[in-house]
């Protein structure tokens, strides 16, 4: 599947975090996508800024916010910045639990609205 490198993925735990800005979430998704081949991402703030059409300062703020919330870890090795995803906080299991709960709510809401619609149709 060649298209896998052309989209980003943001776990629900971050997507639902009201304290993260939209840019924070997009930056996390890009880091996640760019980390697929290695355990880390080494893209520059300039790269992120160009991709998201924002200023480098905005990217710097987003990376600092993600670090402060411990969603990512940033290390410098041989003068190269490496951004690692913190998989203990953003684990697949954690995302699955949230996704499962969210899916239940969606199904429940859908069934509720469907009953309302069926009742309206019966009255007509």
C-alpha atoms as a PDB file:
ATOM      1  CA  UNK A   1       0.000   0.000   0.000  1.00  0.00           C
ATOM      2  CA  UNK A   2       1.925   2.987  -1.275  1.00  0.00           C
ATOM      3  CA  UNK A   3      -0.492   5.560   0.176  1.00  0.00           C
ATOM      4  CA  UNK A   4       0.427   4.853   3.808  1.00  0.00           C
ATOM      5  CA  UNK A   5       3.173   7.498   3.796  1.00  0.00           C
ATOM      6  CA  UNK A   6       0.752  10.155   2.602  1.00  0.00           C
ATOM      7  CA  UNK A   7      -1.534  10.483   5.592  1.00  0.00           C
ATOM      8  CA  UNK A   8      -1.166  11.134   9.296  1.00  0.00           C
ATOM      9  CA  UNK A   9      -2.693   9.391  12.273  1.00  0.00           C
ATOM     10  CA  UNK A  10      -3.516  10.959  15.621  1.00  0.00           C
ATOM     11  CA  UNK A  11      -4.518   8.684  18.519  1.00  0.00           C
ATOM     12  CA  UNK A  12      -7.847   9.514  20.152  1.00  0.00           C
ATOM     13  CA  UNK A  13      -6.207  10.257  23.496  1.00  0.00           C
ATOM     14  CA  UNK A  14      -4.494  13.242  21.845  1.00  0.00           C
ATOM     15  CA  UNK A  15      -7.351  14.075  19.513  1.00  0.00           C
ATOM     16  CA  UNK A  16      -9.691  14.366  22.515  1.00  0.00           C
ATOM     17  CA  UNK A  17      -7.203  16.325  24.644  1.00  0.00           C
ATOM     18  CA  UNK A  18      -8.862  19.739  24.895  1.00  0.00           C
ATOM     19  CA  UNK A  19      -5.602  21.293  26.114  1.00  0.00           C
ATOM     20  CA  UNK A  20      -3.843  20.530  22.814  1.00  0.00           C
ATOM     21  CA  UNK A  21      -4.225  22.985  19.960  1.00  0.00           C
ATOM     22  CA  UNK A  22      -5.149  21.837  16.460  1.00  0.00           C
ATOM     23  CA  UNK A  23      -1.551  22.495  15.428  1.00  0.00           C
ATOM     24  CA  UNK A  24      -0.276  20.333  18.312  1.00  0.00           C
ATOM     25  CA  UNK A  25      -2.445  17.494  17.058  1.00  0.00           C
ATOM     26  CA  UNK A  26      -1.293  17.891  13.455  1.00  0.00           C
ATOM     27  CA  UNK A  27       2.361  18.060  14.499  1.00  0.00           C
ATOM     28  CA  UNK A  28       1.911  14.888  16.565  1.00  0.00           C
ATOM     29  CA  UNK A  29       0.312  13.177  13.567  1.00  0.00           C
ATOM     30  CA  UNK A  30       3.202  14.199  11.333  1.00  0.00           C
ATOM     31  CA  UNK A  31       5.758  12.971  13.875  1.00  0.00           C
ATOM     32  CA  UNK A  32       3.828   9.702  14.093  1.00  0.00           C
ATOM     33  CA  UNK A  33       3.818   9.343  10.309  1.00  0.00           C
ATOM     34  CA  UNK A  34       7.480  10.275   9.884  1.00  0.00           C
ATOM     35  CA  UNK A  35       8.488   7.833  12.652  1.00  0.00           C
ATOM     36  CA  UNK A  36       7.172   4.808  10.764  1.00  0.00           C
ATOM     37  CA  UNK A  37      10.536   3.702   9.330  1.00  0.00           C
ATOM     38  CA  UNK A  38      12.543   4.462  12.476  1.00  0.00           C
ATOM     39  CA  UNK A  39      11.658   4.815  16.118  1.00  0.00           C
ATOM     40  CA  UNK A  40      12.020   8.568  15.847  1.00  0.00           C
ATOM     41  CA  UNK A  41      11.445  11.569  13.606  1.00  0.00           C
ATOM     42  CA  UNK A  42      14.214  14.024  12.735  1.00  0.00           C
ATOM     43  CA  UNK A  43      12.258  16.599  10.723  1.00  0.00           C
ATOM     44  CA  UNK A  44      13.100  20.238  11.366  1.00  0.00           C
ATOM     45  CA  UNK A  45      10.725  22.929  12.576  1.00  0.00           C
ATOM     46  CA  UNK A  46      11.118  24.493   9.137  1.00  0.00           C
ATOM     47  CA  UNK A  47       9.860  21.303   7.475  1.00  0.00           C
ATOM     48  CA  UNK A  48       6.814  21.119   9.749  1.00  0.00           C
ATOM     49  CA  UNK A  49       6.120  24.836   9.274  1.00  0.00           C
ATOM     50  CA  UNK A  50       6.216  24.530   5.475  1.00  0.00           C
ATOM     51  CA  UNK A  51       3.972  21.462   5.478  1.00  0.00           C
ATOM     52  CA  UNK A  52       1.387  23.049   7.782  1.00  0.00           C
ATOM     53  CA  UNK A  53       1.674  26.605   6.436  1.00  0.00           C
ATOM     54  CA  UNK A  54       2.474  28.100   9.816  1.00  0.00           C
ATOM     55  CA  UNK A  55       5.457  29.897  11.338  1.00  0.00           C
ATOM     56  CA  UNK A  56       8.400  28.022  12.851  1.00  0.00           C
ATOM     57  CA  UNK A  57       7.608  29.623  16.224  1.00  0.00           C
ATOM     58  CA  UNK A  58       4.171  27.966  16.110  1.00  0.00           C
ATOM     59  CA  UNK A  59       5.838  24.590  15.515  1.00  0.00           C
ATOM     60  CA  UNK A  60       8.305  25.234  18.328  1.00  0.00           C
ATOM     61  CA  UNK A  61       5.402  26.016  20.672  1.00  0.00           C
ATOM     62  CA  UNK A  62       3.557  22.850  19.604  1.00  0.00           C
ATOM     63  CA  UNK A  63       6.604  20.639  20.125  1.00  0.00           C
ATOM     64  CA  UNK A  64       7.159  22.208  23.557  1.00  0.00           C
ATOM     65  CA  UNK A  65       3.487  21.632  24.458  1.00  0.00           C
ATOM     66  CA  UNK A  66       3.691  17.993  23.373  1.00  0.00           C
ATOM     67  CA  UNK A  67       6.911  17.582  25.386  1.00  0.00           C
ATOM     68  CA  UNK A  68       5.355  19.216  28.457  1.00  0.00           C
ATOM     69  CA  UNK A  69       2.408  16.814  28.260  1.00  0.00           C
ATOM     70  CA  UNK A  70       4.910  13.942  27.813  1.00  0.00           C
ATOM     71  CA  UNK A  71       3.367  12.844  24.495  1.00  0.00           C
ATOM     72  CA  UNK A  72       6.809  13.079  22.882  1.00  0.00           C
ATOM     73  CA  UNK A  73      10.431  12.993  24.018  1.00  0.00           C
ATOM     74  CA  UNK A  74      13.111  15.046  22.272  1.00  0.00           C
ATOM     75  CA  UNK A  75      16.783  14.031  22.355  1.00  0.00           C
ATOM     76  CA  UNK A  76      19.846  15.393  20.608  1.00  0.00           C
ATOM     77  CA  UNK A  77      22.280  12.783  19.305  1.00  0.00           C
ATOM     78  CA  UNK A  78      25.327  13.895  17.296  1.00  0.00           C
ATOM     79  CA  UNK A  79      23.800  17.362  16.872  1.00  0.00           C
ATOM     80  CA  UNK A  80      20.651  15.842  15.364  1.00  0.00           C
ATOM     81  CA  UNK A  81      17.268  16.311  17.002  1.00  0.00           C
ATOM     82  CA  UNK A  82      15.320  13.108  17.385  1.00  0.00           C
ATOM     83  CA  UNK A  83      11.667  13.207  18.346  1.00  0.00           C
ATOM     84  CA  UNK A  84      10.368   9.991  19.914  1.00  0.00           C
ATOM     85  CA  UNK A  85       6.740   9.134  20.555  1.00  0.00           C
ATOM     86  CA  UNK A  86       6.048   8.327  24.209  1.00  0.00           C
ATOM     87  CA  UNK A  87       4.365   4.990  23.780  1.00  0.00           C
ATOM     88  CA  UNK A  88       3.757   4.508  27.490  1.00  0.00           C
ATOM     89  CA  UNK A  89       1.287   7.397  27.483  1.00  0.00           C
ATOM     90  CA  UNK A  90       0.001   7.010  23.952  1.00  0.00           C
ATOM     91  CA  UNK A  91      -0.191   3.244  23.754  1.00  0.00           C
ATOM     92  CA  UNK A  92      -2.165   1.223  21.268  1.00  0.00           C
ATOM     93  CA  UNK A  93      -4.093  -0.357  24.129  1.00  0.00           C
ATOM     94  CA  UNK A  94      -5.032   3.051  25.535  1.00  0.00           C
ATOM     95  CA  UNK A  95      -6.224   4.209  22.140  1.00  0.00           C
ATOM     96  CA  UNK A  96      -8.218   1.015  21.619  1.00  0.00           C
ATOM     97  CA  UNK A  97     -10.010   1.406  24.958  1.00  0.00           C
ATOM     98  CA  UNK A  98     -10.959   4.987  24.133  1.00  0.00           C
ATOM     99  CA  UNK A  99     -11.967   3.997  20.607  1.00  0.00           C
ATOM    100  CA  UNK A 100     -14.133   1.165  21.909  1.00  0.00           C
ATOM    101  CA  UNK A 101     -15.910   3.509  24.346  1.00  0.00           C
ATOM    102  CA  UNK A 102     -16.354   6.106  21.607  1.00  0.00           C
ATOM    103  CA  UNK A 103     -17.776   3.470  19.247  1.00  0.00           C
ATOM    104  CA  UNK A 104     -20.338   2.445  21.891  1.00  0.00           C
ATOM    105  CA  UNK A 105     -21.472   6.053  22.209  1.00  0.00           C
ATOM    106  CA  UNK A 106     -21.769   6.407  18.434  1.00  0.00           C
ATOM    107  CA  UNK A 107     -23.845   3.226  18.154  1.00  0.00           C
ATOM    108  CA  UNK A 108     -26.013   4.257  21.114  1.00  0.00           C
ATOM    109  CA  UNK A 109     -26.648   7.709  19.636  1.00  0.00           C
ATOM    110  CA  UNK A 110     -27.329   6.244  16.208  1.00  0.00           C
ATOM    111  CA  UNK A 111     -29.846   3.738  17.601  1.00  0.00           C
ATOM    112  CA  UNK A 112     -31.563   6.460  19.609  1.00  0.00           C
ATOM    113  CA  UNK A 113     -31.932   8.739  16.599  1.00  0.00           C
ATOM    114  CA  UNK A 114     -33.028   5.833  14.432  1.00  0.00           C
ATOM    115  CA  UNK A 115     -35.867   5.067  16.858  1.00  0.00           C
ATOM    116  CA  UNK A 116     -36.960   8.706  16.727  1.00  0.00           C
ATOM    117  CA  UNK A 117     -36.979   8.638  12.927  1.00  0.00           C
ATOM    118  CA  UNK A 118     -38.929   5.389  12.844  1.00  0.00           C
ATOM    119  CA  UNK A 119     -41.486   6.868  15.245  1.00  0.00           C
ATOM    120  CA  UNK A 120     -41.858   9.975  13.070  1.00  0.00           C
ATOM    121  CA  UNK A 121     -42.321   7.820   9.966  1.00  0.00           C
ATOM    122  CA  UNK A 122     -45.022   5.760  11.709  1.00  0.00           C
ATOM    123  CA  UNK A 123     -46.935   8.924  12.560  1.00  0.00           C
ATOM    124  CA  UNK A 124     -46.986  10.093   8.951  1.00  0.00           C
END
